[in-house]
C-alpha cells in the first residue's frame, strides 16, 4: 500500500434508508477514521457528513467509491498533499 494521507470525505445523503449501509462501510474502515460529523439538514431533507480519514490513497478511494455507489448518496474526497 502507498503512504498514508489525510483526507476529508464529504457525503450527502438524500435517502435516509442508506444510513445503515453507510455506517456499515464506515465501521469496516473504522481503523482509519480520525473523526466524523453528521448534520441533518431537515429543511432540505438531506444529511451532510464529514469523515476525516488517515489512510493509504487506495483505501480512501475505495471507501469513497463504495459510499458513492449507494443509491441516494453522493461522496467526494479532498486529500492533503502531505
N, C-alpha and C. Protein backbone atom coordinates (compact mmCIF):
# COMPACT_ATOMS: atom_id res chain seq x y z
N UNK A 1 0.83 -1.19 0.00
CA UNK A 1 0.00 0.00 0.00
C UNK A 1 0.87 1.25 0.00
N UNK A 2 0.30 2.32 -0.48
CA UNK A 2 1.04 3.57 -0.57
C UNK A 2 1.10 4.27 0.79
N UNK A 3 1.80 5.37 0.80
CA UNK A 3 1.92 6.19 2.00
C UNK A 3 0.56 6.70 2.44
N UNK A 4 0.37 6.85 3.74
CA UNK A 4 -0.90 7.34 4.27
C UNK A 4 -1.07 8.83 3.99
N UNK A 5 -2.32 9.22 3.77
CA UNK A 5 -2.64 10.63 3.55
C UNK A 5 -3.84 11.00 4.39
N UNK A 6 -3.93 12.25 4.72
CA UNK A 6 -5.06 12.78 5.47
C UNK A 6 -6.10 13.25 4.46
N UNK A 7 -7.36 12.88 4.69
CA UNK A 7 -8.42 13.25 3.75
C UNK A 7 -9.71 13.54 4.50
N UNK A 8 -10.58 14.28 3.83
CA UNK A 8 -11.93 14.53 4.33
C UNK A 8 -12.91 14.01 3.29
N UNK A 9 -13.76 13.08 3.70
CA UNK A 9 -14.83 12.60 2.83
C UNK A 9 -16.06 13.43 3.11
N UNK A 10 -16.62 14.01 2.06
CA UNK A 10 -17.87 14.77 2.17
C UNK A 10 -18.96 13.89 1.59
N UNK A 11 -19.99 13.68 2.39
CA UNK A 11 -21.06 12.77 1.99
C UNK A 11 -22.40 13.49 2.14
N UNK A 12 -23.20 13.44 1.08
CA UNK A 12 -24.56 13.98 1.15
C UNK A 12 -25.52 12.81 0.98
N UNK A 13 -26.40 12.65 1.96
CA UNK A 13 -27.34 11.54 1.97
C UNK A 13 -28.74 12.08 1.68
N UNK A 14 -29.27 11.73 0.50
CA UNK A 14 -30.61 12.17 0.12
C UNK A 14 -31.66 11.13 0.48
N UNK A 15 -31.23 9.90 0.70
CA UNK A 15 -32.15 8.81 1.05
C UNK A 15 -31.71 8.23 2.39
N UNK A 16 -32.44 8.55 3.44
CA UNK A 16 -32.06 8.14 4.79
C UNK A 16 -32.00 6.63 4.96
N UNK A 17 -32.66 5.88 4.10
CA UNK A 17 -32.60 4.43 4.22
C UNK A 17 -31.20 3.90 3.91
N UNK A 18 -30.35 4.73 3.35
CA UNK A 18 -28.97 4.34 3.04
C UNK A 18 -28.05 4.43 4.26
N UNK A 19 -28.55 4.99 5.35
CA UNK A 19 -27.72 5.23 6.54
C UNK A 19 -27.07 3.96 7.08
N UNK A 20 -27.81 2.88 7.14
CA UNK A 20 -27.26 1.63 7.68
C UNK A 20 -26.10 1.13 6.83
N UNK A 21 -26.23 1.23 5.51
CA UNK A 21 -25.16 0.78 4.61
C UNK A 21 -23.92 1.67 4.74
N UNK A 22 -24.14 2.98 4.87
CA UNK A 22 -23.03 3.91 5.06
C UNK A 22 -22.31 3.60 6.36
N UNK A 23 -23.06 3.44 7.43
CA UNK A 23 -22.46 3.16 8.73
C UNK A 23 -21.71 1.84 8.73
N UNK A 24 -22.21 0.84 8.02
CA UNK A 24 -21.51 -0.45 7.93
C UNK A 24 -20.16 -0.27 7.24
N UNK A 25 -20.12 0.52 6.17
CA UNK A 25 -18.85 0.77 5.47
C UNK A 25 -17.89 1.56 6.36
N UNK A 26 -18.40 2.57 7.05
CA UNK A 26 -17.54 3.35 7.93
C UNK A 26 -16.99 2.48 9.05
N UNK A 27 -17.78 1.55 9.55
CA UNK A 27 -17.29 0.63 10.58
C UNK A 27 -16.21 -0.29 10.03
N UNK A 28 -16.41 -0.75 8.80
CA UNK A 28 -15.44 -1.63 8.14
C UNK A 28 -14.07 -0.94 8.01
N UNK A 29 -14.08 0.37 7.78
CA UNK A 29 -12.85 1.14 7.60
C UNK A 29 -12.51 1.93 8.86
N UNK A 30 -13.12 1.57 9.97
CA UNK A 30 -13.02 2.33 11.22
C UNK A 30 -11.62 2.55 11.75
N UNK A 31 -10.69 1.63 11.48
CA UNK A 31 -9.32 1.79 11.97
C UNK A 31 -8.62 3.01 11.36
N UNK A 32 -9.15 3.52 10.26
CA UNK A 32 -8.52 4.63 9.56
C UNK A 32 -9.26 5.96 9.78
N UNK A 33 -10.38 5.91 10.48
CA UNK A 33 -11.20 7.11 10.68
C UNK A 33 -10.73 7.86 11.91
N UNK A 34 -10.41 9.13 11.72
CA UNK A 34 -9.96 10.00 12.80
C UNK A 34 -11.17 10.60 13.51
N UNK A 35 -12.19 10.97 12.76
CA UNK A 35 -13.39 11.56 13.33
C UNK A 35 -14.46 11.71 12.27
N UNK A 36 -15.68 11.90 12.74
CA UNK A 36 -16.79 12.08 11.80
C UNK A 36 -17.85 12.97 12.42
N UNK A 37 -18.58 13.67 11.55
CA UNK A 37 -19.66 14.54 11.99
C UNK A 37 -20.79 14.43 10.98
N UNK A 38 -21.98 14.29 11.48
CA UNK A 38 -23.15 14.24 10.61
C UNK A 38 -24.16 15.28 11.05
N UNK A 39 -24.71 15.99 10.09
CA UNK A 39 -25.69 17.04 10.39
C UNK A 39 -26.92 16.83 9.53
N UNK A 40 -28.08 16.60 10.16
CA UNK A 40 -29.30 16.52 9.36
C UNK A 40 -29.74 17.93 8.96
N UNK A 41 -30.02 18.12 7.69
CA UNK A 41 -30.49 19.41 7.19
C UNK A 41 -31.95 19.20 6.83
N UNK A 42 -32.79 19.30 7.84
CA UNK A 42 -34.21 18.96 7.72
C UNK A 42 -34.93 19.79 6.66
N UNK A 43 -34.56 21.04 6.54
CA UNK A 43 -35.19 21.94 5.58
C UNK A 43 -35.06 21.41 4.15
N UNK A 44 -33.91 20.80 3.84
CA UNK A 44 -33.66 20.26 2.51
C UNK A 44 -33.89 18.75 2.44
N UNK A 45 -34.20 18.13 3.60
CA UNK A 45 -34.44 16.69 3.70
C UNK A 45 -33.23 15.87 3.25
N UNK A 46 -32.05 16.32 3.68
CA UNK A 46 -30.80 15.59 3.43
C UNK A 46 -29.99 15.57 4.72
N UNK A 47 -28.97 14.73 4.75
CA UNK A 47 -27.98 14.75 5.83
C UNK A 47 -26.63 14.97 5.18
N UNK A 48 -25.78 15.72 5.87
CA UNK A 48 -24.45 16.02 5.37
C UNK A 48 -23.45 15.46 6.38
N UNK A 49 -22.49 14.68 5.87
CA UNK A 49 -21.48 14.08 6.74
C UNK A 49 -20.09 14.50 6.29
N UNK A 50 -19.21 14.66 7.28
CA UNK A 50 -17.78 14.85 7.03
C UNK A 50 -17.05 13.77 7.80
N UNK A 51 -16.17 13.07 7.12
CA UNK A 51 -15.41 11.99 7.75
C UNK A 51 -13.93 12.25 7.50
N UNK A 52 -13.16 12.36 8.57
CA UNK A 52 -11.72 12.58 8.47
C UNK A 52 -11.05 11.22 8.50
N UNK A 53 -10.19 10.97 7.49
CA UNK A 53 -9.54 9.67 7.33
C UNK A 53 -8.04 9.87 7.19
N UNK A 54 -7.28 8.98 7.82
CA UNK A 54 -5.82 8.94 7.67
C UNK A 54 -5.49 7.53 7.19
N UNK A 55 -5.27 7.39 5.88
CA UNK A 55 -5.15 6.06 5.29
C UNK A 55 -4.39 6.13 3.97
N UNK A 56 -3.98 4.97 3.45
CA UNK A 56 -3.38 4.95 2.12
C UNK A 56 -4.38 5.45 1.06
N UNK A 57 -3.86 6.09 0.03
CA UNK A 57 -4.70 6.66 -1.02
C UNK A 57 -5.67 5.64 -1.60
N UNK A 58 -5.20 4.43 -1.87
CA UNK A 58 -6.05 3.40 -2.46
C UNK A 58 -7.25 3.08 -1.57
N UNK A 59 -7.00 3.03 -0.26
CA UNK A 59 -8.07 2.73 0.68
C UNK A 59 -9.09 3.87 0.72
N UNK A 60 -8.61 5.11 0.72
CA UNK A 60 -9.50 6.27 0.71
C UNK A 60 -10.38 6.24 -0.54
N UNK A 61 -9.76 5.98 -1.68
CA UNK A 61 -10.52 5.92 -2.93
C UNK A 61 -11.54 4.78 -2.92
N UNK A 62 -11.16 3.65 -2.33
CA UNK A 62 -12.07 2.51 -2.24
C UNK A 62 -13.29 2.87 -1.39
N UNK A 63 -13.04 3.46 -0.23
CA UNK A 63 -14.15 3.83 0.66
C UNK A 63 -15.05 4.85 -0.01
N UNK A 64 -14.47 5.88 -0.61
CA UNK A 64 -15.27 6.91 -1.29
C UNK A 64 -16.10 6.29 -2.42
N UNK A 65 -15.49 5.42 -3.20
CA UNK A 65 -16.20 4.77 -4.30
C UNK A 65 -17.36 3.91 -3.82
N UNK A 66 -17.13 3.13 -2.76
CA UNK A 66 -18.20 2.27 -2.23
C UNK A 66 -19.36 3.08 -1.69
N UNK A 67 -19.04 4.16 -0.98
CA UNK A 67 -20.11 5.02 -0.45
C UNK A 67 -20.84 5.70 -1.59
N UNK A 68 -20.10 6.18 -2.58
CA UNK A 68 -20.71 6.88 -3.72
C UNK A 68 -21.59 6.00 -4.58
N UNK A 69 -21.40 4.68 -4.51
CA UNK A 69 -22.23 3.77 -5.30
C UNK A 69 -23.57 3.46 -4.65
N UNK A 70 -23.76 3.89 -3.41
CA UNK A 70 -25.02 3.65 -2.71
C UNK A 70 -26.07 4.60 -3.29
N UNK A 71 -27.23 4.06 -3.61
CA UNK A 71 -28.31 4.87 -4.18
C UNK A 71 -28.72 5.98 -3.20
N UNK A 72 -28.88 7.18 -3.72
CA UNK A 72 -29.31 8.31 -2.89
C UNK A 72 -28.18 8.96 -2.11
N UNK A 73 -26.93 8.61 -2.45
CA UNK A 73 -25.77 9.13 -1.71
C UNK A 73 -24.74 9.68 -2.70
N UNK A 74 -24.15 10.83 -2.35
CA UNK A 74 -23.07 11.42 -3.12
C UNK A 74 -21.86 11.53 -2.21
N UNK A 75 -20.67 11.16 -2.69
CA UNK A 75 -19.46 11.23 -1.88
C UNK A 75 -18.31 11.79 -2.71
N UNK A 76 -17.57 12.69 -2.11
CA UNK A 76 -16.38 13.28 -2.72
C UNK A 76 -15.28 13.35 -1.67
N UNK A 77 -14.03 13.38 -2.10
CA UNK A 77 -12.91 13.41 -1.17
C UNK A 77 -11.97 14.55 -1.47
N UNK A 78 -11.48 15.16 -0.43
CA UNK A 78 -10.43 16.15 -0.51
C UNK A 78 -9.23 15.59 0.24
N UNK A 79 -8.10 15.42 -0.47
CA UNK A 79 -6.90 14.84 0.16
C UNK A 79 -5.84 15.91 0.36
N UNK A 80 -5.11 15.76 1.47
CA UNK A 80 -3.99 16.66 1.74
C UNK A 80 -2.82 16.27 0.82
N UNK A 81 -1.89 17.16 0.70
CA UNK A 81 -0.70 16.87 -0.10
C UNK A 81 0.38 16.21 0.73
N UNK A 82 0.16 16.11 2.04
CA UNK A 82 1.16 15.51 2.94
C UNK A 82 0.69 14.15 3.42
